[in-house]
Amino acid sequence: MRRANPGLCGGCVPLHRLQFQFSDSVIQTLLDKELVQVQNTGRGFLLEIAEDF
């Protein structure tokens, strides 16, 4: 996983893209630690970096 640029905040990626690169347990850990949030767009799900991270 690449390091986030400290000058940037926010951002999102389609959840199905991450499932090919990371295991479900990694994604679940990020959710449990409230580092990311899931948004339902009506067409799919986005994994979004928590703004206060």
PDB file of N, CA and C in Angstrom:
ATOM      1  N   MET A   1       0.841  -1.176   0.000  1.00  0.00           N
ATOM      2  CA  MET A   1       0.000   0.000   0.000  1.00  0.00           C
ATOM      3  C   MET A   1       0.887   1.241   0.000  1.00  0.00           C
ATOM      4  N   ARG A   2       0.570   2.178  -0.853  1.00  0.00           N
ATOM      5  CA  ARG A   2       1.364   3.404  -0.918  1.00  0.00           C
ATOM      6  C   ARG A   2       0.997   4.334   0.216  1.00  0.00           C
ATOM      7  N   ARG A   3       1.950   5.127   0.624  1.00  0.00           N
ATOM      8  CA  ARG A   3       1.701   6.123   1.669  1.00  0.00           C
ATOM      9  C   ARG A   3       0.912   7.280   1.093  1.00  0.00           C
ATOM     10  N   ALA A   4      -0.006   7.779   1.881  1.00  0.00           N
ATOM     11  CA  ALA A   4      -0.786   8.945   1.467  1.00  0.00           C
ATOM     12  C   ALA A   4       0.083  10.190   1.575  1.00  0.00           C
ATOM     13  N   ASN A   5      -0.140  11.107   0.692  1.00  0.00           N
ATOM     14  CA  ASN A   5       0.552  12.388   0.733  1.00  0.00           C
ATOM     15  C   ASN A   5      -0.039  13.209   1.875  1.00  0.00           C
ATOM     16  N   PRO A   6       0.763  13.648   2.853  1.00  0.00           N
ATOM     17  CA  PRO A   6       0.229  14.397   3.989  1.00  0.00           C
ATOM     18  C   PRO A   6      -0.472  15.687   3.595  1.00  0.00           C
ATOM     19  N   GLY A   7      -0.177  16.225   2.427  1.00  0.00           N
ATOM     20  CA  GLY A   7      -0.827  17.447   1.979  1.00  0.00           C
ATOM     21  C   GLY A   7      -2.205  17.213   1.393  1.00  0.00           C
ATOM     22  N   LEU A   8      -2.563  15.952   1.196  1.00  0.00           N
ATOM     23  CA  LEU A   8      -3.850  15.616   0.613  1.00  0.00           C
ATOM     24  C   LEU A   8      -4.762  15.028   1.671  1.00  0.00           C
ATOM     25  N   CYS A   9      -6.053  15.214   1.501  1.00  0.00           N
ATOM     26  CA  CYS A   9      -7.001  14.563   2.401  1.00  0.00           C
ATOM     27  C   CYS A   9      -8.186  14.077   1.583  1.00  0.00           C
ATOM     28  N   GLY A  10      -8.868  13.092   2.102  1.00  0.00           N
ATOM     29  CA  GLY A  10     -10.021  12.545   1.410  1.00  0.00           C
ATOM     30  C   GLY A  10      -9.614  11.658   0.254  1.00  0.00           C
ATOM     31  N   GLY A  11     -10.577  11.321  -0.552  1.00  0.00           N
ATOM     32  CA  GLY A  11     -10.360  10.457  -1.693  1.00  0.00           C
ATOM     33  C   GLY A  11     -11.181   9.199  -1.564  1.00  0.00           C
ATOM     34  N   CYS A  12     -11.473   8.583  -2.701  1.00  0.00           N
ATOM     35  CA  CYS A  12     -12.250   7.354  -2.676  1.00  0.00           C
ATOM     36  C   CYS A  12     -11.877   6.494  -3.873  1.00  0.00           C
ATOM     37  N   VAL A  13     -12.229   5.221  -3.766  1.00  0.00           N
ATOM     38  CA  VAL A  13     -11.957   4.260  -4.822  1.00  0.00           C
ATOM     39  C   VAL A  13     -13.097   3.249  -4.824  1.00  0.00           C
ATOM     40  N   PRO A  14     -13.501   2.758  -6.005  1.00  0.00           N
ATOM     41  CA  PRO A  14     -14.528   1.721  -6.037  1.00  0.00           C
ATOM     42  C   PRO A  14     -14.076   0.501  -5.235  1.00  0.00           C
ATOM     43  N   LEU A  15     -14.948   0.005  -4.371  1.00  0.00           N
ATOM     44  CA  LEU A  15     -14.597  -1.100  -3.487  1.00  0.00           C
ATOM     45  C   LEU A  15     -14.206  -2.345  -4.268  1.00  0.00           C
ATOM     46  N   HIS A  16     -14.853  -2.610  -5.406  1.00  0.00           N
ATOM     47  CA  HIS A  16     -14.521  -3.820  -6.163  1.00  0.00           C
ATOM     48  C   HIS A  16     -13.088  -3.794  -6.697  1.00  0.00           C
ATOM     49  N   ARG A  17     -12.529  -2.621  -6.928  1.00  0.00           N
ATOM     50  CA  ARG A  17     -11.123  -2.541  -7.367  1.00  0.00           C
ATOM     51  C   ARG A  17     -10.167  -2.986  -6.269  1.00  0.00           C
ATOM     52  N   LEU A  18     -10.467  -2.596  -5.037  1.00  0.00           N
ATOM     53  CA  LEU A  18      -9.595  -2.951  -3.916  1.00  0.00           C
ATOM     54  C   LEU A  18      -9.663  -4.425  -3.580  1.00  0.00           C
ATOM     55  N   GLN A  19     -10.809  -5.054  -3.796  1.00  0.00           N
ATOM     56  CA  GLN A  19     -10.959  -6.458  -3.441  1.00  0.00           C
ATOM     57  C   GLN A  19     -10.037  -7.339  -4.265  1.00  0.00           C
ATOM     58  N   PHE A  20      -9.608  -6.882  -5.425  1.00  0.00           N
ATOM     59  CA  PHE A  20      -8.659  -7.647  -6.228  1.00  0.00           C
ATOM     60  C   PHE A  20      -7.233  -7.489  -5.715  1.00  0.00           C
ATOM     61  N   GLN A  21      -6.948  -6.387  -5.019  1.00  0.00           N
ATOM     62  CA  GLN A  21      -5.593  -6.093  -4.568  1.00  0.00           C
ATOM     63  C   GLN A  21      -5.364  -6.397  -3.094  1.00  0.00           C
ATOM     64  N   PHE A  22      -6.405  -6.321  -2.271  1.00  0.00           N
ATOM     65  CA  PHE A  22      -6.274  -6.499  -0.825  1.00  0.00           C
ATOM     66  C   PHE A  22      -7.285  -7.523  -0.339  1.00  0.00           C
ATOM     67  N   SER A  23      -6.932  -8.244   0.690  1.00  0.00           N
ATOM     68  CA  SER A  23      -7.854  -9.230   1.248  1.00  0.00           C
ATOM     69  C   SER A  23      -8.997  -8.529   1.975  1.00  0.00           C
ATOM     70  N   ASP A  24     -10.092  -9.259   2.148  1.00  0.00           N
ATOM     71  CA  ASP A  24     -11.236  -8.714   2.877  1.00  0.00           C
ATOM     72  C   ASP A  24     -10.861  -8.343   4.305  1.00  0.00           C
ATOM     73  N   SER A  25      -9.926  -9.090   4.910  1.00  0.00           N
ATOM     74  CA  SER A  25      -9.541  -8.797   6.297  1.00  0.00           C
ATOM     75  C   SER A  25      -8.811  -7.458   6.398  1.00  0.00           C
ATOM     76  N   VAL A  26      -8.035  -7.090   5.389  1.00  0.00           N
ATOM     77  CA  VAL A  26      -7.356  -5.786   5.388  1.00  0.00           C
ATOM     78  C   VAL A  26      -8.396  -4.671   5.293  1.00  0.00           C
ATOM     79  N   ILE A  27      -9.349  -4.821   4.392  1.00  0.00           N
ATOM     80  CA  ILE A  27     -10.401  -3.819   4.240  1.00  0.00           C
ATOM     81  C   ILE A  27     -11.217  -3.718   5.525  1.00  0.00           C
ATOM     82  N   GLN A  28     -11.542  -4.870   6.139  1.00  0.00           N
ATOM     83  CA  GLN A  28     -12.317  -4.866   7.382  1.00  0.00           C
ATOM     84  C   GLN A  28     -11.554  -4.171   8.510  1.00  0.00           C
ATOM     85  N   THR A  29     -10.238  -4.380   8.579  1.00  0.00           N
ATOM     86  CA  THR A  29      -9.421  -3.721   9.604  1.00  0.00           C
ATOM     87  C   THR A  29      -9.471  -2.205   9.444  1.00  0.00           C
ATOM     88  N   LEU A  30      -9.373  -1.719   8.215  1.00  0.00           N
ATOM     89  CA  LEU A  30      -9.469  -0.276   7.964  1.00  0.00           C
ATOM     90  C   LEU A  30     -10.829   0.268   8.394  1.00  0.00           C
ATOM     91  N   LEU A  31     -11.892  -0.503   8.130  1.00  0.00           N
ATOM     92  CA  LEU A  31     -13.233  -0.095   8.558  1.00  0.00           C
ATOM     93  C   LEU A  31     -13.348  -0.090  10.076  1.00  0.00           C
ATOM     94  N   ASP A  32     -12.837  -1.141  10.725  1.00  0.00           N
ATOM     95  CA  ASP A  32     -12.908  -1.246  12.187  1.00  0.00           C
ATOM     96  C   ASP A  32     -12.174  -0.103  12.879  1.00  0.00           C
ATOM     97  N   LYS A  33     -11.059   0.316  12.302  1.00  0.00           N
ATOM     98  CA  LYS A  33     -10.276   1.408  12.886  1.00  0.00           C
ATOM     99  C   LYS A  33     -10.803   2.779  12.468  1.00  0.00           C
ATOM    100  N   GLU A  34     -11.903   2.771  11.711  1.00  0.00           N
ATOM    101  CA  GLU A  34     -12.556   3.995  11.231  1.00  0.00           C
ATOM    102  C   GLU A  34     -11.618   4.877  10.414  1.00  0.00           C
ATOM    103  N   LEU A  35     -10.712   4.241   9.669  1.00  0.00           N
ATOM    104  CA  LEU A  35      -9.820   4.978   8.774  1.00  0.00           C
ATOM    105  C   LEU A  35     -10.477   5.199   7.419  1.00  0.00           C
ATOM    106  N   VAL A  36     -11.468   4.361   7.099  1.00  0.00           N
ATOM    107  CA  VAL A  36     -12.208   4.472   5.846  1.00  0.00           C
ATOM    108  C   VAL A  36     -13.694   4.314   6.130  1.00  0.00           C
ATOM    109  N   GLN A  37     -14.493   4.732   5.165  1.00  0.00           N
ATOM    110  CA  GLN A  37     -15.945   4.586   5.229  1.00  0.00           C
ATOM    111  C   GLN A  37     -16.412   4.028   3.895  1.00  0.00           C
ATOM    112  N   VAL A  38     -17.543   3.337   3.903  1.00  0.00           N
ATOM    113  CA  VAL A  38     -18.129   2.810   2.675  1.00  0.00           C
ATOM    114  C   VAL A  38     -19.345   3.651   2.326  1.00  0.00           C
ATOM    115  N   GLN A  39     -19.425   4.041   1.061  1.00  0.00           N
ATOM    116  CA  GLN A  39     -20.578   4.794   0.564  1.00  0.00           C
ATOM    117  C   GLN A  39     -21.277   3.965  -0.497  1.00  0.00           C
ATOM    118  N   ASN A  40     -22.604   3.895  -0.432  1.00  0.00           N
ATOM    119  CA  ASN A  40     -23.401   3.241  -1.463  1.00  0.00           C
ATOM    120  C   ASN A  40     -23.823   4.311  -2.453  1.00  0.00           C
ATOM    121  N   THR A  41     -23.359   4.202  -3.693  1.00  0.00           N
ATOM    122  CA  THR A  41     -23.664   5.210  -4.705  1.00  0.00           C
ATOM    123  C   THR A  41     -24.936   4.893  -5.478  1.00  0.00           C
ATOM    124  N   GLY A  42     -25.505   3.717  -5.238  1.00  0.00           N
ATOM    125  CA  GLY A  42     -26.648   3.274  -6.029  1.00  0.00           C
ATOM    126  C   GLY A  42     -26.202   2.460  -7.227  1.00  0.00           C
ATOM    127  N   ARG A  43     -24.962   2.603  -7.614  1.00  0.00           N
ATOM    128  CA  ARG A  43     -24.382   1.831  -8.718  1.00  0.00           C
ATOM    129  C   ARG A  43     -23.254   0.936  -8.240  1.00  0.00           C
ATOM    130  N   GLY A  44     -22.890   1.072  -6.995  1.00  0.00           N
ATOM    131  CA  GLY A  44     -21.792   0.300  -6.419  1.00  0.00           C
ATOM    132  C   GLY A  44     -21.382   0.938  -5.106  1.00  0.00           C
ATOM    133  N   PHE A  45     -20.274   0.473  -4.590  1.00  0.00           N
ATOM    134  CA  PHE A  45     -19.798   0.966  -3.304  1.00  0.00           C
ATOM    135  C   PHE A  45     -18.438   1.618  -3.466  1.00  0.00           C
ATOM    136  N   LEU A  46     -18.242   2.721  -2.760  1.00  0.00           N
ATOM    137  CA  LEU A  46     -16.963   3.417  -2.749  1.00  0.00           C
ATOM    138  C   LEU A  46     -16.354   3.302  -1.366  1.00  0.00           C
ATOM    139  N   LEU A  47     -15.066   3.067  -1.327  1.00  0.00           N
ATOM    140  CA  LEU A  47     -14.329   3.091  -0.074  1.00  0.00           C
ATOM    141  C   LEU A  47     -13.667   4.455  -0.006  1.00  0.00           C
ATOM    142  N   GLU A  48     -13.993   5.221   1.026  1.00  0.00           N
ATOM    143  CA  GLU A  48     -13.534   6.604   1.135  1.00  0.00           C
ATOM    144  C   GLU A  48     -12.649   6.768   2.364  1.00  0.00           C
ATOM    145  N   ILE A  49     -11.553   7.478   2.207  1.00  0.00           N
ATOM    146  CA  ILE A  49     -10.664   7.766   3.333  1.00  0.00           C
ATOM    147  C   ILE A  49     -11.390   8.704   4.287  1.00  0.00           C
ATOM    148  N   ALA A  50     -11.357   8.372   5.571  1.00  0.00           N
ATOM    149  CA  ALA A  50     -12.011   9.208   6.581  1.00  0.00           C
ATOM    150  C   ALA A  50     -11.361  10.582   6.590  1.00  0.00           C
ATOM    151  N   GLU A  51     -12.154  11.623   6.629  1.00  0.00           N
ATOM    152  CA  GLU A  51     -11.633  12.987   6.536  1.00  0.00           C
ATOM    153  C   GLU A  51     -10.783  13.382   7.722  1.00  0.00           C
ATOM    154  N   ASP A  52     -11.067  12.837   8.904  1.00  0.00           N
ATOM    155  CA  ASP A  52     -10.283  13.223  10.074  1.00  0.00           C
ATOM    156  C   ASP A  52      -9.062  12.344  10.265  1.00  0.00           C
ATOM    157  N   PHE A  53      -8.739  11.507   9.285  1.00  0.00           N
ATOM    158  CA  PHE A  53      -7.572  10.630   9.352  1.00  0.00           C
ATOM    159  C   PHE A  53      -6.350  11.431   9.142  1.00  0.00           C
TER     160      PHE A  53
END
